[in-house]
């Protein structure tokens, strides 16, 4: 099975709304970061698509994380260091922040 086919099978597990939203967000991310590596993995109940300059997820700029509740934009590993003057970022972990 090709990588794209595997990704489509992951996306097919979600609600119809998220089946449309995930590819739209993916296209937007690829447009903004055309040279980034796109790392895709099934993480427990999440489908995660990370955008990285390397093949290491810890180097990611950001990632899309989809679960049954919707899709989040994650700023991991350095998310706690981001300026958030409008208090848009959520999360209380030691490194990750996200926007729903």
Protein backbone atom coordinates (compact mmCIF):
# COMPACT_ATOMS: atom_id res chain seq x y z
CA UNK A 1 0.00 0.00 0.00
CA UNK A 2 1.38 3.44 -0.90
CA UNK A 3 1.97 6.12 1.70
CA UNK A 4 -0.92 8.19 0.32
CA UNK A 5 -3.23 5.17 0.43
CA UNK A 6 -2.26 4.47 4.05
CA UNK A 7 -2.91 8.11 4.94
CA UNK A 8 -6.33 7.98 3.22
CA UNK A 9 -7.15 4.86 5.25
CA UNK A 10 -6.22 6.68 8.48
CA UNK A 11 -8.38 9.67 7.50
CA UNK A 12 -11.32 7.42 6.55
CA UNK A 13 -11.74 6.50 10.24
CA UNK A 14 -12.89 10.02 11.11
CA UNK A 15 -16.23 11.79 10.74
CA UNK A 16 -17.14 13.11 7.26
CA UNK A 17 -16.42 16.67 8.44
CA UNK A 18 -12.90 15.74 9.55
CA UNK A 19 -12.39 13.67 6.39
CA UNK A 20 -12.71 16.97 4.52
CA UNK A 21 -10.90 19.15 7.07
CA UNK A 22 -7.73 17.04 7.45
CA UNK A 23 -6.79 17.08 3.72
CA UNK A 24 -7.62 20.81 3.51
CA UNK A 25 -5.30 21.60 6.43
CA UNK A 26 -2.66 19.32 4.96
CA UNK A 27 -2.78 21.18 1.62
CA UNK A 28 -2.49 24.49 3.46
CA UNK A 29 0.53 23.28 5.44
CA UNK A 30 2.23 21.91 2.30
CA UNK A 31 1.66 25.24 0.54
CA UNK A 32 3.25 27.18 3.39
CA UNK A 33 6.13 24.73 3.93
CA UNK A 34 6.77 23.13 0.52
CA UNK A 35 10.21 21.82 1.47
CA UNK A 36 9.25 20.36 4.83
CA UNK A 37 9.22 16.65 5.49
CA UNK A 38 5.74 15.40 6.27
CA UNK A 39 5.83 12.70 8.95
CA UNK A 40 2.60 10.76 9.40
CA UNK A 41 1.83 8.38 12.22
CA UNK A 42 -1.08 6.89 14.09
CA UNK A 43 -0.54 7.86 17.72
CA UNK A 44 -3.05 6.01 19.92
CA UNK A 45 -6.37 7.72 19.12
CA UNK A 46 -4.73 10.52 17.11
CA UNK A 47 -3.67 10.78 13.51
CA UNK A 48 -0.61 13.03 13.59
CA UNK A 49 0.96 14.78 10.63
CA UNK A 50 4.16 16.62 11.57
CA UNK A 51 6.01 19.13 9.40
CA UNK A 52 9.78 19.02 9.92
CA UNK A 53 13.04 20.21 8.34
CA UNK A 54 14.49 16.74 9.12
CA UNK A 55 13.15 13.20 9.58
CA UNK A 56 12.98 13.72 13.36
CA UNK A 57 9.57 14.57 14.79
CA UNK A 58 11.28 16.45 17.63
CA UNK A 59 12.43 18.99 15.01
CA UNK A 60 8.88 19.69 13.84
CA UNK A 61 7.67 23.21 13.18
CA UNK A 62 4.15 22.12 14.05
CA UNK A 63 1.83 19.17 13.61
CA UNK A 64 -1.80 18.47 12.87
CA UNK A 65 -3.41 16.11 15.33
CA UNK A 66 -6.84 14.69 14.56
CA UNK A 67 -9.04 12.76 16.95
CA UNK A 68 -12.78 12.15 17.29
CA UNK A 69 -13.26 15.71 18.59
CA UNK A 70 -11.65 17.48 15.63
CA UNK A 71 -8.26 18.67 14.49
CA UNK A 72 -5.69 20.54 16.56
CA UNK A 73 -2.65 22.50 15.48
CA UNK A 74 0.17 21.47 17.82
CA UNK A 75 3.32 23.40 18.58
CA UNK A 76 5.30 20.69 20.28
CA UNK A 77 8.68 20.44 21.90
CA UNK A 78 9.04 24.23 22.06
CA UNK A 79 5.39 25.25 22.35
CA UNK A 80 5.83 26.57 25.86
CA UNK A 81 8.41 29.08 24.56
CA UNK A 82 6.01 30.72 22.09
CA UNK A 83 4.77 34.22 22.83
CA UNK A 84 1.00 34.13 23.35
CA UNK A 85 -0.15 37.70 24.06
CA UNK A 86 -3.77 36.88 23.14
CA UNK A 87 -3.78 33.64 25.16
CA UNK A 88 -4.85 31.48 22.21
CA UNK A 89 -2.65 28.52 23.03
CA UNK A 90 -4.06 25.69 25.10
CA UNK A 91 -2.38 22.95 27.05
CA UNK A 92 -0.54 22.57 30.30
CA UNK A 93 2.17 20.07 29.36
CA UNK A 94 5.85 20.68 29.89
CA UNK A 95 6.58 21.38 26.20
CA UNK A 96 3.49 21.28 23.95
CA UNK A 97 0.82 23.88 23.22
CA UNK A 98 -2.03 23.72 20.71
CA UNK A 99 -4.92 25.54 19.06
CA UNK A 100 -8.20 23.76 18.36
